[in-house]
């Protein structure tokens, strides 16, 4: 199953990579970044609640003391990282924000060593380096960087990477006790409750009545959110957090391909090299099945 876990993680990350299709439409419709985060959280929570209500309501049962894990995944990760990421895009640029977001694997590796005692091996360090270089090529930071970044832009950009990393950490604790669906639904339910009061979405009700906006809002909640997080969270329950975060860096590769296919972007030789480097890092970080890693219930392998 561990072999398939890497596939599920990569598939989830690939779905994250198509998020620009939905977000760009909602921006063009007049929504602010914070409102788009709220739409993403609320639509995802409603879709998940509806599915679980029809299939297995017992998955909604949790112990009250465990709500702290979902505050971690919902508020400190989903809401915080999305706000930081969108702010970084405004303060710097899409490419700079993206590369700062993908400081996440480094944060996950360090935090996993502290929290889960996962070993920081030479293979992990090499994969992190290859991933960072590959992502830099894909989004255009390397080989010729001419961007100037404000201190605030840098801080919120790195903050997005830290917030992104926290999902893997808090998610591990939650997965030790609960089903993938339970973790995902409570993550977005609490994210919704946290962001709605400050999003200003109530001021854009007329926009929400447009049928195209409704369709793209549902799409945003379903494809790059619900399905993506279900696949990633399921895979995360079988592999180390640090390895999962490195595999998830296929996201900027998919995002680049979406830009090429749907928005007419061209693929430079450097971007092609970056894609190959990210794929190489994903292959490098995998381990042969049967190395004595723990099973799905604990998810705290070392």
Protein backbone atom coordinates (compact mmCIF):
# COMPACT_ATOMS: atom_id res chain seq x y z
CA UNK A 1 0.00 0.00 0.00
CA UNK A 2 2.92 2.36 0.64
CA UNK A 3 3.73 2.28 -3.08
CA UNK A 4 0.17 3.36 -3.88
CA UNK A 5 0.32 5.99 -1.14
CA UNK A 6 2.88 7.95 -3.16
CA UNK A 7 0.52 7.82 -6.14
CA UNK A 8 -2.39 9.18 -4.05
CA UNK A 9 -0.21 11.99 -2.68
CA UNK A 10 0.96 12.92 -6.18
CA UNK A 11 -2.62 12.77 -7.50
CA UNK A 12 -3.82 15.08 -4.74
CA UNK A 13 -0.98 17.50 -5.45
CA UNK A 14 -1.81 17.40 -9.17
CA UNK A 15 -5.38 18.46 -8.36
CA UNK A 16 -3.99 21.34 -6.27
CA UNK A 17 -2.09 22.34 -9.40
CA UNK A 18 -5.32 23.07 -11.32
CA UNK A 19 -6.62 25.54 -8.73
CA UNK A 20 -5.77 28.54 -10.93
CA UNK A 21 -8.58 27.57 -13.32
CA UNK A 22 -11.17 28.29 -10.63
CA UNK A 23 -9.41 31.03 -8.70
CA UNK A 24 -8.72 33.18 -11.76
CA UNK A 25 -12.40 33.08 -12.73
CA UNK A 26 -13.52 34.09 -9.24
CA UNK A 27 -10.98 36.94 -9.18
CA UNK A 28 -12.28 38.12 -12.54
CA UNK A 29 -15.82 37.99 -11.14
CA UNK A 30 -14.91 40.51 -8.44
CA UNK A 31 -13.99 38.48 -5.35
CA UNK A 32 -11.06 39.33 -3.09
CA UNK A 33 -8.38 36.76 -2.16
CA UNK A 34 -9.83 36.35 1.35
CA UNK A 35 -13.30 35.82 -0.09
CA UNK A 36 -11.97 33.16 -2.45
CA UNK A 37 -10.40 31.37 0.52
CA UNK A 38 -13.78 31.51 2.28
CA UNK A 39 -15.59 30.17 -0.81
CA UNK A 40 -13.09 27.33 -1.01
CA UNK A 41 -13.50 26.41 2.65
CA UNK A 42 -17.29 26.67 2.78
CA UNK A 43 -18.00 24.84 -0.48
CA UNK A 44 -15.62 22.06 0.56
CA UNK A 45 -17.18 21.70 4.00
CA UNK A 46 -20.70 21.54 2.53
CA UNK A 47 -19.73 18.95 -0.07
CA UNK A 48 -18.02 16.76 2.53
CA UNK A 49 -20.85 17.07 5.06
CA UNK A 50 -23.40 16.13 2.40
CA UNK A 51 -21.40 13.09 1.29
CA UNK A 52 -20.81 11.80 4.82
CA UNK A 53 -24.47 12.40 5.80
CA UNK A 54 -25.55 10.16 2.91
CA UNK A 55 -22.93 7.44 3.36
CA UNK A 56 -21.63 7.08 6.92
CA UNK A 57 -22.67 9.57 9.59
CA UNK A 58 -20.56 7.78 12.20
CA UNK A 59 -17.54 9.44 10.61
CA UNK A 60 -18.69 12.74 12.11
CA UNK A 61 -18.13 11.45 15.66
CA UNK A 62 -15.01 12.82 17.33
CA UNK A 63 -13.86 13.38 20.89
CA UNK A 64 -14.08 17.02 21.94
CA UNK A 65 -10.49 17.06 23.18
CA UNK A 66 -9.28 16.22 19.67
CA UNK A 67 -10.72 19.41 18.20
CA UNK A 68 -7.26 20.92 18.68
CA UNK A 69 -5.93 18.83 15.77
CA UNK A 70 -8.60 20.22 13.43
CA UNK A 71 -8.02 23.76 14.61
CA UNK A 72 -4.43 23.05 13.59
CA UNK A 73 -5.29 21.75 10.11
CA UNK A 74 -8.18 24.17 9.55
CA UNK A 75 -7.09 27.51 11.03
CA UNK A 76 -3.32 27.37 11.40
CA UNK A 77 -2.83 25.56 8.09
CA UNK A 78 -5.68 26.07 5.58
CA UNK A 79 -6.74 29.61 6.51
CA UNK A 80 -3.31 30.91 7.48
CA UNK A 81 -1.39 29.51 4.51
CA UNK A 82 -4.02 30.60 1.97
CA UNK A 83 -4.07 34.14 3.35
CA UNK A 84 -0.27 34.31 3.38
CA UNK A 85 -0.04 32.88 -0.13
CA UNK A 86 -2.54 35.27 -1.69
CA UNK A 87 -0.97 38.21 0.14
CA UNK A 88 2.48 37.15 -1.07
CA UNK A 89 1.19 37.12 -4.65
CA UNK A 90 -0.02 40.72 -4.20
CA UNK A 91 3.18 41.86 -2.48
CA UNK A 92 5.65 40.12 -4.82
CA UNK A 93 4.58 38.07 -7.83
CA UNK A 94 3.04 34.69 -8.60
CA UNK A 95 6.44 33.12 -9.26
CA UNK A 96 8.10 34.45 -6.10
CA UNK A 97 5.07 33.52 -3.98
CA UNK A 98 5.09 30.00 -5.41
CA UNK A 99 8.75 29.35 -4.67
CA UNK A 100 8.34 30.71 -1.12
CA UNK A 101 5.32 28.44 -0.66
CA UNK A 102 7.51 25.49 -1.52
CA UNK A 103 9.74 26.10 1.45
CA UNK A 104 7.09 23.82 2.99
CA UNK A 105 8.99 20.52 2.51
CA UNK A 106 11.94 21.96 4.43
CA UNK A 107 9.64 23.02 7.27
CA UNK A 108 7.96 19.59 7.27
CA UNK A 109 11.32 17.82 7.40
CA UNK A 110 12.49 19.89 10.38
CA UNK A 111 9.15 19.69 12.23
CA UNK A 112 8.85 15.95 11.56
CA UNK A 113 12.28 15.42 13.06
CA UNK A 114 11.26 17.36 16.20
CA UNK A 115 7.72 15.99 16.57
CA UNK A 116 7.82 12.50 15.06
CA UNK A 117 11.56 11.77 15.32
CA UNK A 118 11.74 11.10 11.58
CA UNK A 119 15.35 10.82 10.47
CA UNK A 120 16.76 13.58 8.27
CA UNK A 121 18.62 11.31 5.87
CA UNK A 122 21.04 12.26 3.11
CA UNK A 123 18.44 11.08 0.60
CA UNK A 124 15.84 13.47 2.03
CA UNK A 125 18.26 16.38 1.99
CA UNK A 126 19.21 15.64 -1.60
CA UNK A 127 15.54 15.33 -2.61
CA UNK A 128 14.77 18.66 -0.91
CA UNK A 129 17.59 20.38 -2.77
CA UNK A 130 16.60 18.86 -6.13
CA UNK A 131 12.95 19.79 -5.50
CA UNK A 132 13.77 23.41 -4.64
CA UNK A 133 15.95 23.81 -7.73
CA UNK A 134 13.35 22.10 -9.93
CA UNK A 135 10.51 24.31 -8.65
CA UNK A 136 12.69 27.39 -9.17
CA UNK A 137 13.22 26.43 -12.82
CA UNK A 138 9.52 25.65 -13.37
CA UNK A 139 8.26 28.99 -12.08
CA UNK A 140 11.09 31.03 -13.58
CA UNK A 141 13.14 32.11 -10.56
CA UNK A 142 16.18 30.30 -11.98
CA UNK A 143 18.48 30.58 -13.83
CA UNK A 144 18.07 34.36 -14.22
CA UNK A 145 16.39 35.94 -11.18
CA UNK A 146 15.67 39.64 -11.39
CA UNK A 147 13.00 39.93 -8.71
CA UNK A 148 13.22 42.36 -5.78
CA UNK A 149 11.26 41.26 -2.72
CA UNK A 150 10.06 43.44 0.15
CA UNK A 151 10.62 42.20 3.69
CA UNK A 152 6.85 41.93 4.21
CA UNK A 153 6.46 39.98 0.98
CA UNK A 154 9.25 37.63 2.04
CA UNK A 155 7.72 37.09 5.50
CA UNK A 156 4.21 36.30 4.27
CA UNK A 157 5.67 34.11 1.52
CA UNK A 158 7.69 32.05 3.97
CA UNK A 159 4.65 32.10 6.26
CA UNK A 160 2.63 30.41 3.52
CA UNK A 161 5.22 27.64 3.35
CA UNK A 162 5.14 27.22 7.13
CA UNK A 163 1.32 27.13 7.18
CA UNK A 164 1.30 24.66 4.29
CA UNK A 165 3.69 22.43 6.24
CA UNK A 166 1.50 22.42 9.33
CA UNK A 167 -1.20 20.38 7.56
CA UNK A 168 1.16 17.40 7.34
CA UNK A 169 2.07 17.73 11.02
CA UNK A 170 -1.39 18.21 12.55
CA UNK A 171 -2.81 15.77 10.00
CA UNK A 172 -0.54 13.00 11.28
CA UNK A 173 -1.90 13.36 14.81
CA UNK A 174 -5.50 13.36 13.60
CA UNK A 175 -4.95 10.34 11.34
CA UNK A 176 -3.70 8.34 14.30
CA UNK A 177 -7.29 8.29 15.56
CA UNK A 178 -9.65 9.17 12.72
CA UNK A 179 -10.60 8.23 9.17
CA UNK A 180 -9.35 10.31 6.25
CA UNK A 181 -12.86 11.69 5.61
CA UNK A 182 -13.27 12.69 9.25
CA UNK A 183 -9.98 14.60 9.23
CA UNK A 184 -10.78 16.36 5.97
CA UNK A 185 -14.37 17.37 6.80
CA UNK A 186 -13.48 18.81 10.21
CA UNK A 187 -10.50 20.62 8.71
CA UNK A 188 -12.70 22.55 6.29
CA UNK A 189 -15.62 22.92 8.68
CA UNK A 190 -13.42 24.67 11.24
CA UNK A 191 -11.65 26.62 8.49
CA UNK A 192 -15.07 27.87 7.34
CA UNK A 193 -16.11 28.90 10.86
CA UNK A 194 -12.82 30.69 11.31
CA UNK A 195 -12.71 32.66 8.07
CA UNK A 196 -16.37 33.55 7.38
CA UNK A 197 -16.64 36.29 10.05
CA UNK A 198 -13.64 38.17 8.62
CA UNK A 199 -13.97 37.44 4.89
CA UNK A 200 -16.55 40.08 3.98
CA UNK A 201 -18.30 37.50 1.80
CA UNK A 202 -21.68 38.83 2.93
CA UNK A 203 -20.94 41.96 0.91
CA UNK A 204 -20.73 39.94 -2.32
CA UNK A 205 -24.05 38.08 -2.17
CA UNK A 206 -25.18 39.39 -5.60
CA UNK A 207 -22.04 37.89 -7.16
CA UNK A 208 -22.80 34.53 -5.53
CA UNK A 209 -26.16 34.37 -7.29
CA UNK A 210 -24.52 34.13 -10.72
CA UNK A 211 -24.82 30.54 -11.97
CA UNK A 212 -21.29 30.53 -13.38
CA UNK A 213 -19.92 31.68 -10.05
CA UNK A 214 -21.87 28.91 -8.33
CA UNK A 215 -20.45 26.35 -10.76
CA UNK A 216 -16.86 27.50 -10.34
CA UNK A 217 -17.30 27.72 -6.56
CA UNK A 218 -18.47 24.10 -6.46
CA UNK A 219 -15.62 23.14 -8.77
CA UNK A 220 -13.13 24.92 -6.50
CA UNK A 221 -14.50 23.05 -3.51
CA UNK A 222 -14.61 19.68 -5.25
CA UNK A 223 -11.53 19.19 -7.44
CA UNK A 224 -8.52 21.11 -6.09
CA UNK A 225 -9.84 20.93 -2.53
CA UNK A 226 -12.03 18.00 -1.39
CA UNK A 227 -10.65 15.38 -3.78
CA UNK A 228 -7.12 16.77 -3.51
CA UNK A 229 -7.06 16.76 0.29
CA UNK A 230 -8.75 13.35 0.54
CA UNK A 231 -6.12 11.80 -1.73
CA UNK A 232 -3.24 13.59 0.01
CA UNK A 233 -4.52 12.81 3.52
CA UNK A 234 -5.08 9.15 2.65
CA UNK A 235 -1.56 8.85 1.27
CA UNK A 236 -0.16 10.75 4.26
CA UNK A 237 -1.48 8.04 6.58
CA UNK A 238 0.97 5.53 5.05
CA UNK A 239 4.19 7.51 4.63
CA UNK A 240 6.34 9.98 6.54
CA UNK A 241 5.23 13.61 6.54
CA UNK A 242 8.56 14.76 5.14
CA UNK A 243 8.38 12.32 2.21
CA UNK A 244 4.76 13.24 1.48
CA UNK A 245 5.59 16.96 1.34
CA UNK A 246 8.38 16.34 -1.16
CA UNK A 247 6.16 14.19 -3.42
CA UNK A 248 3.51 16.95 -3.26
CA UNK A 249 5.85 19.31 -5.09
CA UNK A 250 4.47 17.93 -8.34
CA UNK A 251 1.88 20.69 -7.82
CA UNK A 252 3.88 23.53 -9.44
CA UNK A 253 4.72 21.23 -12.33
CA UNK A 254 1.02 20.60 -12.98
CA UNK A 255 0.31 24.31 -12.50
CA UNK A 256 2.88 25.11 -15.19
CA UNK A 257 1.33 22.55 -17.57
CA UNK A 258 -2.15 24.01 -16.95
CA UNK A 259 -0.78 27.42 -17.89
CA UNK A 260 0.68 26.01 -21.10
CA UNK A 261 -2.40 24.03 -22.17
CA UNK A 262 -5.21 26.37 -21.07
CA UNK A 263 -3.67 29.83 -20.89
CA UNK A 264 -1.20 29.69 -23.78
CA UNK A 265 1.98 29.81 -21.72
CA UNK A 266 5.11 28.46 -23.41
CA UNK A 267 7.43 25.83 -21.89
CA UNK A 268 11.06 26.94 -21.89
CA UNK A 269 13.96 24.46 -21.81
CA UNK A 270 14.63 25.56 -18.22
CA UNK A 271 11.04 24.78 -17.21
CA UNK A 272 11.26 21.40 -18.88
CA UNK A 273 14.45 20.74 -16.90
CA UNK A 274 12.66 21.80 -13.73
CA UNK A 275 9.83 19.35 -14.37
CA UNK A 276 12.36 16.54 -14.83
CA UNK A 277 14.11 17.52 -11.57
CA UNK A 278 10.86 17.48 -9.58
CA UNK A 279 9.93 14.07 -11.01
CA UNK A 280 13.44 12.83 -10.16
CA UNK A 281 13.03 14.04 -6.56
CA UNK A 282 9.69 12.22 -6.25
CA UNK A 283 11.30 8.99 -7.48
CA UNK A 284 14.34 9.51 -5.25
CA UNK A 285 12.36 9.93 -2.04
CA UNK A 286 10.45 6.66 -2.42
CA UNK A 287 11.53 3.59 -0.51
CA UNK A 288 11.03 -0.07 -1.40
CA UNK A 289 7.91 -1.61 0.14
CA UNK A 290 8.51 -3.72 3.21
CA UNK A 291 10.96 -1.69 5.24
CA UNK A 292 9.05 -2.14 8.43
CA UNK A 293 7.10 1.10 8.46
CA UNK A 294 4.05 1.38 10.61
CA UNK A 295 0.56 0.93 9.31
CA UNK A 296 -2.25 3.28 8.51
CA UNK A 297 -3.76 3.65 11.94
CA UNK A 298 -0.77 5.34 13.54
CA UNK A 299 0.74 7.10 10.56
CA UNK A 300 3.77 7.94 12.75
CA UNK A 301 6.46 5.96 10.99
CA UNK A 302 10.12 6.76 11.57
